[in-house]
Amino acid sequence: MKKFLYTILLALLMAPNFMQAQEAAGAVGPISSFPVVYKYDEQVTWYFDMSASTFTENEDLYMWMWSPSEPDAGNWENSSDFAKLHYEGNKIWSFTLTPTVYFSKTPAEIAAGDGFWFRLKNKNGSKQSDVANVTYTDFSSFYTANELIRSYPAKPTIDKPVSILFNSNLKDGFAGVPSVHFHSGLNNWAVSQEYQAWLPDVSEKTKLKDLGNGFYRMDLIPQEYYNTEPGFVMENISFLFVAKDWTTNSGDQIIYAGAYEPPPPPVFGFFPLQISQKDFLGMYRKNNEPGVNKLLYTITAGSKVIAGEFSGGTAEIKGFVNLVSELQGIPNLSEIHVLVKDNKDKTISDTTIPLKTLDK
């Protein structure tokens, strides 16, 4: 609390002519950053929504910061060019910096400080915002959390930045790979951005930032990254993290969007639970993903292979295989192998089912 009061007092004392005639432009609105999470020695862009302030469209604004240091000290009445913000439109301004460089501080020194305290102002300081603070999201817990992925925010929206962390140490094959890429799509791949290793621009666009020691991060704004049509409703981001040239991957992952109620997870099963070669083998899958309307099965029974498919919809796909006729004349089978895929070539089940021995 003492640090906080000291910081506010310092802000008042360090503004020349503070008690003289100055125009209060109002509070700083919502602040966001790209990337959402970052290390202190990485470049980041902060965005300031000043739509509720009296600053005008295209007005030149400058950053005046005093914590963790005061880069533009002594220039309140004539801000330096390096402190100038960029106007993004719709009364949103941005400021790009690398904290360790801008403040001439080490990451440890910045972390031990009181945070990023500032005002936004015009060139000569006659017009200024209220005191504000850029909050910092510490993501260091991910390094020891034993989580494969983590999203910031947990439920992203289509028009706001999202950072997705990946711990490749939890998947075989990623050690020493040259790069990791984001093979992904929205709404169960309805809109996709595939990783295509042979296209340099796509390879670069999908490349994750290497954080070191097997940890990676992907940063994007969905509507820009996927170039979605106006009004597109994002339900989820479906993806795999892929090593260069597809030497290995993370397996299917999904992150559900904010304000979207995810459907219940798919459920697959065989019935009855015990069968012989004189029975019907049933299989079903409920709560299917959009676009999944078939189950394609391949049953290997000794030297015989049985293939077929069942059709259905999102609620359920169900059907039976007549083992009585299909396995007629094949004696003493003890098991069958069943491979089931959906119509998008995703493996649903790959299992061996024991068969009951028939009484003679």
Protein backbone atom coordinates (compact mmCIF):
# COMPACT_ATOMS: atom_id res chain seq x y z
CA MET A 1 0.00 0.00 0.00
CA LYS A 2 2.87 2.36 0.82
CA LYS A 3 4.39 1.70 -2.61
CA PHE A 4 1.07 2.48 -4.31
CA LEU A 5 0.64 5.79 -2.42
CA TYR A 6 4.23 6.72 -3.14
CA THR A 7 3.71 6.07 -6.86
CA ILE A 8 0.62 8.29 -7.02
CA LEU A 9 2.35 11.06 -5.05
CA LEU A 10 5.35 10.86 -7.35
CA ALA A 11 3.06 11.26 -10.36
CA LEU A 12 1.68 14.47 -8.93
CA LEU A 13 5.06 15.89 -8.00
CA MET A 14 6.74 15.07 -11.29
CA ALA A 15 4.27 16.91 -13.51
CA PRO A 16 5.54 20.51 -13.94
CA ASN A 17 2.91 23.18 -13.41
CA PHE A 18 0.48 20.46 -12.32
CA MET A 19 -1.51 22.87 -10.21
CA GLN A 20 -1.63 25.42 -13.03
CA ALA A 21 -4.22 25.49 -15.79
CA GLN A 22 -4.30 22.10 -17.51
CA GLU A 23 -7.07 20.26 -19.27
CA ALA A 24 -8.03 16.91 -17.80
CA ALA A 25 -8.80 14.63 -20.73
CA GLY A 26 -10.39 11.92 -18.58
CA ALA A 27 -9.70 8.35 -17.66
CA VAL A 28 -7.79 5.89 -19.81
CA GLY A 29 -10.23 3.28 -21.12
CA PRO A 30 -9.63 -0.46 -21.58
CA ILE A 31 -5.98 -1.37 -22.21
CA SER A 32 -4.95 -4.46 -24.18
CA SER A 33 -1.69 -5.79 -25.56
CA PHE A 34 -0.32 -7.85 -28.42
CA PRO A 35 0.90 -10.39 -27.58
CA VAL A 36 -1.44 -10.94 -24.65
CA VAL A 37 1.36 -12.45 -22.56
CA TYR A 38 5.01 -11.57 -23.06
CA LYS A 39 8.37 -11.50 -21.33
CA TYR A 40 9.85 -8.19 -20.27
CA ASP A 41 12.59 -8.49 -22.89
CA GLU A 42 10.14 -9.04 -25.77
CA GLN A 43 8.60 -6.40 -28.00
CA VAL A 44 4.96 -5.69 -27.18
CA THR A 45 2.32 -3.27 -28.39
CA TRP A 46 -0.06 -1.71 -25.87
CA TYR A 47 -3.45 -0.42 -27.06
CA PHE A 48 -5.34 2.36 -25.26
CA ASP A 49 -9.05 2.95 -25.80
CA MET A 50 -9.58 6.69 -25.32
CA SER A 51 -13.09 6.86 -26.76
CA ALA A 52 -14.48 8.27 -23.50
CA SER A 53 -11.80 10.96 -23.26
CA THR A 54 -11.71 14.49 -24.68
CA PHE A 55 -8.72 13.69 -26.90
CA THR A 56 -9.77 14.19 -30.51
CA GLU A 57 -9.44 11.88 -33.52
CA ASN A 58 -5.87 11.82 -34.87
CA GLU A 59 -4.59 13.99 -32.04
CA ASP A 60 -0.90 13.44 -31.36
CA LEU A 61 -0.54 11.71 -27.99
CA TYR A 62 2.61 10.98 -26.03
CA MET A 63 3.53 8.53 -23.30
CA TRP A 64 4.79 9.91 -20.02
CA MET A 65 5.86 7.06 -17.73
CA TRP A 66 7.62 7.22 -14.39
CA SER A 67 7.52 3.57 -13.31
CA PRO A 68 9.55 1.39 -13.56
CA SER A 69 11.64 4.38 -14.78
CA GLU A 70 11.08 7.77 -16.45
CA PRO A 71 12.45 7.50 -20.01
CA ASP A 72 11.31 11.01 -21.05
CA ALA A 73 12.31 12.76 -17.84
CA GLY A 74 12.41 16.57 -18.02
CA ASN A 75 10.39 16.79 -21.21
CA TRP A 76 6.86 17.25 -19.90
CA GLU A 77 6.39 20.47 -21.90
CA ASN A 78 8.01 19.07 -25.07
CA SER A 79 7.65 15.30 -25.30
CA SER A 80 10.29 13.39 -27.24
CA ASP A 81 9.49 11.71 -30.54
CA PHE A 82 10.25 8.26 -29.07
CA ALA A 83 7.34 8.73 -26.64
CA LYS A 84 4.78 9.39 -29.39
CA LEU A 85 1.87 6.95 -29.75
CA HIS A 86 0.48 5.66 -33.04
CA TYR A 87 -3.14 6.39 -33.89
CA GLU A 88 -5.01 3.21 -34.85
CA GLY A 89 -8.43 4.72 -35.53
CA ASN A 90 -11.71 4.83 -33.58
CA LYS A 91 -9.94 6.77 -30.83
CA ILE A 92 -7.56 3.93 -30.07
CA TRP A 93 -3.84 4.68 -29.79
CA SER A 94 -0.97 2.19 -29.56
CA PHE A 95 2.55 2.23 -28.17
CA THR A 96 5.20 -0.33 -29.12
CA LEU A 97 8.18 -1.01 -26.89
CA THR A 98 10.52 -3.61 -25.45
CA PRO A 99 10.25 -2.96 -21.69
CA THR A 100 13.88 -3.80 -20.83
CA VAL A 101 15.10 -1.46 -23.57
CA TYR A 102 12.62 1.36 -23.02
CA PHE A 103 13.11 1.52 -19.26
CA SER A 104 16.82 0.51 -19.23
CA LYS A 105 16.01 -2.15 -16.66
CA THR A 106 16.61 -5.88 -16.40
CA PRO A 107 13.60 -8.25 -16.32
CA ALA A 108 14.24 -8.86 -12.64
CA GLU A 109 14.29 -5.12 -11.90
CA ILE A 110 11.05 -4.56 -13.76
CA ALA A 111 9.39 -7.50 -12.01
CA ALA A 112 10.44 -6.12 -8.63
CA GLY A 113 9.05 -2.65 -9.41
CA ASP A 114 5.64 -1.09 -8.90
CA GLY A 115 4.35 -1.74 -12.42
CA PHE A 116 3.84 0.36 -15.55
CA TRP A 117 2.42 3.73 -14.36
CA PHE A 118 1.74 6.51 -16.85
CA ARG A 119 -0.35 9.34 -18.24
CA LEU A 120 -1.17 10.03 -21.87
CA LYS A 121 -0.69 13.66 -22.86
CA ASN A 122 -0.40 16.08 -25.75
CA LYS A 123 2.97 17.42 -26.89
CA ASN A 124 3.24 20.35 -24.46
CA GLY A 125 1.49 18.73 -21.54
CA SER A 126 -1.43 21.14 -21.46
CA LYS A 127 -3.83 18.23 -21.84
CA GLN A 128 -3.44 14.95 -19.98
CA SER A 129 -5.25 11.78 -19.01
CA ASP A 130 -5.76 10.49 -15.51
CA VAL A 131 -3.04 8.32 -13.98
CA ALA A 132 -3.28 4.73 -15.26
CA ASN A 133 -1.43 1.43 -15.10
CA VAL A 134 -0.75 -1.22 -17.74
CA THR A 135 -1.33 -4.53 -15.96
CA TYR A 136 1.11 -7.35 -16.63
CA THR A 137 0.08 -11.01 -16.82
CA ASP A 138 2.67 -13.29 -15.28
CA PHE A 139 2.54 -16.62 -17.14
CA SER A 140 5.61 -18.18 -15.48
CA SER A 141 3.44 -20.77 -13.69
CA PHE A 142 2.97 -22.52 -17.04
CA TYR A 143 6.59 -23.68 -16.98
CA THR A 144 5.92 -25.95 -14.00
CA ALA A 145 2.19 -26.66 -14.44
CA ASN A 146 2.60 -29.87 -16.50
CA GLU A 147 -0.07 -28.56 -18.92
CA LEU A 148 0.20 -29.26 -22.65
CA ILE A 149 -1.48 -26.00 -23.70
CA ARG A 150 -2.78 -22.87 -22.01
CA SER A 151 -4.71 -19.99 -23.59
CA TYR A 152 -4.71 -16.32 -22.58
CA PRO A 153 -7.55 -15.49 -22.34
CA ALA A 154 -9.00 -18.92 -21.60
CA LYS A 155 -12.00 -18.16 -23.82
CA PRO A 156 -10.88 -15.90 -26.68
CA THR A 157 -13.08 -13.72 -28.88
CA ILE A 158 -12.78 -13.26 -32.61
CA ASP A 159 -11.67 -9.62 -32.61
CA LYS A 160 -9.25 -9.64 -29.67
CA PRO A 161 -5.70 -11.03 -29.33
CA VAL A 162 -5.08 -14.49 -27.92
CA SER A 163 -1.81 -16.12 -26.84
CA ILE A 164 -1.63 -19.93 -26.79
CA LEU A 165 1.24 -21.58 -24.89
CA PHE A 166 2.57 -25.04 -25.75
CA ASN A 167 4.78 -27.31 -23.63
CA SER A 168 6.38 -29.58 -26.23
CA ASN A 169 8.25 -31.48 -23.50
CA LEU A 170 5.02 -33.40 -22.87
CA LYS A 171 4.92 -34.83 -26.41
CA ASP A 172 7.45 -37.21 -27.96
CA GLY A 173 9.43 -36.12 -31.00
CA PHE A 174 9.67 -32.35 -30.46
CA ALA A 175 13.12 -32.28 -28.85
CA GLY A 176 15.53 -30.40 -31.11
CA VAL A 177 13.04 -29.63 -33.91
CA PRO A 178 13.93 -26.53 -35.97
CA SER A 179 10.50 -24.95 -35.54
CA VAL A 180 6.91 -25.58 -34.44
CA HIS A 181 3.85 -24.46 -36.40
CA PHE A 182 0.14 -23.81 -35.87
CA HIS A 183 -2.08 -26.00 -38.09
CA SER A 184 -5.54 -24.70 -37.25
CA GLY A 185 -9.08 -23.69 -38.09
CA LEU A 186 -12.18 -22.08 -36.65
CA ASN A 187 -15.40 -23.94 -35.79
CA ASN A 188 -14.03 -27.44 -36.30
CA TRP A 189 -12.02 -26.42 -39.38
CA ALA A 190 -14.87 -24.63 -41.18
CA VAL A 191 -12.34 -21.85 -41.83
CA SER A 192 -8.74 -23.03 -41.80
CA GLN A 193 -5.15 -21.88 -41.96
CA GLU A 194 -3.14 -24.98 -42.68
CA TYR A 195 0.58 -25.34 -42.06
CA GLN A 196 2.11 -25.80 -45.51
CA ALA A 197 5.83 -26.34 -45.07
CA TRP A 198 6.61 -25.82 -48.77
CA LEU A 199 5.22 -22.25 -48.80
CA PRO A 200 7.64 -19.83 -47.07
CA ASP A 201 5.01 -17.16 -46.29
CA VAL A 202 2.59 -19.71 -44.79
CA SER A 203 5.39 -21.40 -42.89
CA GLU A 204 6.35 -18.05 -41.36
CA LYS A 205 2.74 -17.06 -40.57
CA THR A 206 2.08 -20.31 -38.72
CA LYS A 207 5.40 -20.39 -36.86
CA LEU A 208 5.31 -20.27 -33.04
CA LYS A 209 7.64 -18.11 -31.00
CA ASP A 210 10.30 -20.22 -29.30
CA LEU A 211 10.39 -19.31 -25.59
CA GLY A 212 13.23 -21.75 -24.90
CA ASN A 213 13.51 -25.11 -23.15
CA GLY A 214 10.73 -26.70 -25.22
CA PHE A 215 8.12 -23.98 -24.59
CA TYR A 216 6.41 -22.11 -27.42
CA ARG A 217 3.76 -19.44 -27.94
CA MET A 218 1.34 -18.60 -30.76
CA ASP A 219 -0.12 -15.07 -30.92
CA LEU A 220 -3.01 -14.08 -33.16
CA ILE A 221 -6.20 -12.09 -33.57
CA PRO A 222 -8.63 -14.66 -35.04
CA GLN A 223 -10.56 -12.43 -37.46
CA GLU A 224 -7.31 -11.09 -38.93
CA TYR A 225 -5.40 -14.37 -38.89
CA TYR A 226 -8.18 -16.35 -40.61
CA ASN A 227 -9.54 -13.40 -42.65
CA THR A 228 -13.12 -14.19 -41.65
CA GLU A 229 -16.18 -12.59 -43.22
CA PRO A 230 -17.96 -9.80 -41.29
CA GLY A 231 -20.43 -11.27 -38.82
CA PHE A 232 -18.65 -14.62 -38.57
CA VAL A 233 -19.40 -16.22 -35.19
CA MET A 234 -16.39 -18.00 -33.70
CA GLU A 235 -17.30 -21.07 -31.67
CA ASN A 236 -13.85 -22.60 -31.22
CA ILE A 237 -10.27 -22.76 -32.43
CA SER A 238 -9.33 -26.32 -33.49
CA PHE A 239 -5.64 -27.00 -33.98
CA LEU A 240 -2.51 -29.09 -33.81
CA PHE A 241 0.99 -27.92 -32.99
CA VAL A 242 3.19 -29.41 -35.70
CA ALA A 243 6.96 -29.84 -35.90
CA LYS A 244 8.67 -28.63 -39.05
CA ASP A 245 7.91 -30.88 -42.03
CA TRP A 246 5.25 -32.72 -39.99
CA THR A 247 7.75 -34.96 -38.22
CA THR A 248 5.44 -35.02 -35.16
CA ASN A 249 2.44 -33.18 -33.76
CA SER A 250 0.58 -32.44 -30.54
CA GLY A 251 -2.61 -34.30 -31.44
CA ASP A 252 -5.98 -32.60 -31.84
CA GLN A 253 -6.60 -29.64 -29.52
CA ILE A 254 -9.54 -27.26 -29.13
CA ILE A 255 -10.17 -23.95 -27.36
CA TYR A 256 -13.75 -22.75 -27.03
CA ALA A 257 -14.61 -19.13 -27.65
CA GLY A 258 -15.92 -16.73 -25.06
CA ALA A 259 -19.70 -16.46 -24.65
CA TYR A 260 -20.07 -19.79 -26.45
CA GLU A 261 -21.62 -22.81 -24.75
CA PRO A 262 -19.56 -25.84 -25.83
CA PRO A 263 -21.49 -28.97 -26.80
CA PRO A 264 -21.16 -32.15 -24.74
CA PRO A 265 -18.13 -34.24 -25.74
CA PRO A 266 -18.56 -37.08 -28.26
CA VAL A 267 -19.29 -40.54 -26.84
CA PHE A 268 -18.41 -43.74 -28.71
CA GLY A 269 -19.14 -47.33 -27.76
CA PHE A 270 -19.73 -50.91 -28.87
CA PHE A 271 -22.70 -53.04 -27.84
CA PRO A 272 -23.30 -55.58 -26.51
CA LEU A 273 -20.19 -55.56 -24.34
CA GLN A 274 -19.58 -59.28 -24.87
CA ILE A 275 -20.01 -60.95 -28.26
CA SER A 276 -19.21 -64.09 -30.17
CA GLN A 277 -18.86 -64.61 -33.90
CA LYS A 278 -22.52 -65.63 -33.87
CA ASP A 279 -23.70 -62.15 -32.78
CA PHE A 280 -24.41 -58.73 -34.22
CA LEU A 281 -21.79 -56.10 -33.34
CA GLY A 282 -23.32 -52.70 -32.68
CA MET A 283 -21.47 -49.39 -32.54
CA TYR A 284 -22.61 -45.83 -31.92
CA ARG A 285 -21.26 -42.30 -31.56
CA LYS A 286 -23.25 -39.49 -29.96
CA ASN A 287 -22.68 -35.70 -29.87
CA ASN A 288 -20.80 -35.65 -33.16
CA GLU A 289 -18.91 -32.60 -34.38
CA PRO A 290 -20.49 -30.49 -37.17
CA GLY A 291 -19.87 -32.15 -40.51
CA VAL A 292 -19.38 -35.63 -39.06
CA ASN A 293 -22.17 -37.81 -40.46
CA LYS A 294 -20.59 -41.22 -41.06
CA LEU A 295 -18.68 -43.92 -39.23
CA LEU A 296 -16.47 -46.03 -41.48
CA TYR A 297 -15.39 -49.35 -40.02
CA THR A 298 -12.80 -51.97 -40.94
CA ILE A 299 -13.02 -55.30 -39.08
CA THR A 300 -10.17 -57.78 -39.36
CA ALA A 301 -11.12 -61.32 -38.36
CA GLY A 302 -8.31 -63.74 -39.06
CA SER A 303 -7.69 -63.51 -42.80
CA LYS A 304 -11.02 -61.83 -43.53
CA VAL A 305 -11.53 -58.07 -43.71
CA ILE A 306 -15.01 -56.56 -43.41
CA ALA A 307 -15.54 -52.91 -44.33
CA GLY A 308 -18.61 -50.71 -44.30
CA GLU A 309 -20.15 -47.50 -43.00
CA PHE A 310 -23.06 -46.12 -41.00
CA SER A 311 -24.73 -42.77 -41.54
CA GLY A 312 -26.33 -40.42 -39.07
CA GLY A 313 -26.16 -36.87 -37.76
CA THR A 314 -24.85 -34.69 -34.98
CA ALA A 315 -27.03 -36.33 -32.32
CA GLU A 316 -26.08 -39.94 -33.11
CA ILE A 317 -24.64 -42.34 -35.67
CA LYS A 318 -25.48 -46.00 -35.01
CA GLY A 319 -25.46 -49.34 -36.77
CA PHE A 320 -24.89 -53.11 -36.61
CA VAL A 321 -22.53 -55.53 -38.33
CA ASN A 322 -23.90 -59.02 -38.90
CA LEU A 323 -21.01 -61.19 -37.71
CA VAL A 324 -23.16 -64.30 -38.10
CA SER A 325 -23.12 -64.11 -41.88
CA GLU A 326 -19.82 -62.26 -42.30
CA LEU A 327 -17.83 -64.81 -40.28
CA GLN A 328 -19.64 -67.90 -41.42
CA GLY A 329 -17.24 -70.76 -42.10
CA ILE A 330 -14.33 -69.24 -40.13
CA PRO A 331 -13.78 -71.53 -37.14
CA ASN A 332 -12.47 -70.82 -33.65
CA LEU A 333 -11.97 -67.05 -33.77
CA SER A 334 -10.83 -65.66 -30.43
CA GLU A 335 -10.80 -61.96 -31.32
CA ILE A 336 -11.46 -59.36 -33.98
CA HIS A 337 -9.75 -56.04 -34.60
CA VAL A 338 -12.02 -53.04 -35.25
CA LEU A 339 -10.86 -49.71 -36.71
CA VAL A 340 -13.48 -46.94 -36.83
CA LYS A 341 -12.99 -43.55 -38.50
CA ASP A 342 -15.33 -40.66 -39.23
CA ASN A 343 -15.91 -39.18 -42.66
CA LYS A 344 -13.12 -36.65 -42.00
CA ASP A 345 -10.61 -39.51 -41.62
CA LYS A 346 -10.26 -39.01 -37.87
CA THR A 347 -9.69 -42.25 -35.96
CA ILE A 348 -12.53 -42.80 -33.48
CA SER A 349 -11.55 -46.26 -32.20
CA ASP A 350 -8.72 -48.68 -32.88
CA THR A 351 -9.23 -51.71 -30.68
CA THR A 352 -9.21 -55.49 -30.39
CA ILE A 353 -12.40 -57.12 -29.14
CA PRO A 354 -12.25 -60.62 -27.62
CA LEU A 355 -14.87 -63.12 -28.77
CA LYS A 356 -16.67 -65.50 -26.45
CA THR A 357 -16.00 -69.17 -27.13
CA LEU A 358 -19.07 -70.90 -28.48
CA ASP A 359 -20.40 -74.07 -26.85
CA LYS A 360 -20.25 -77.06 -29.13
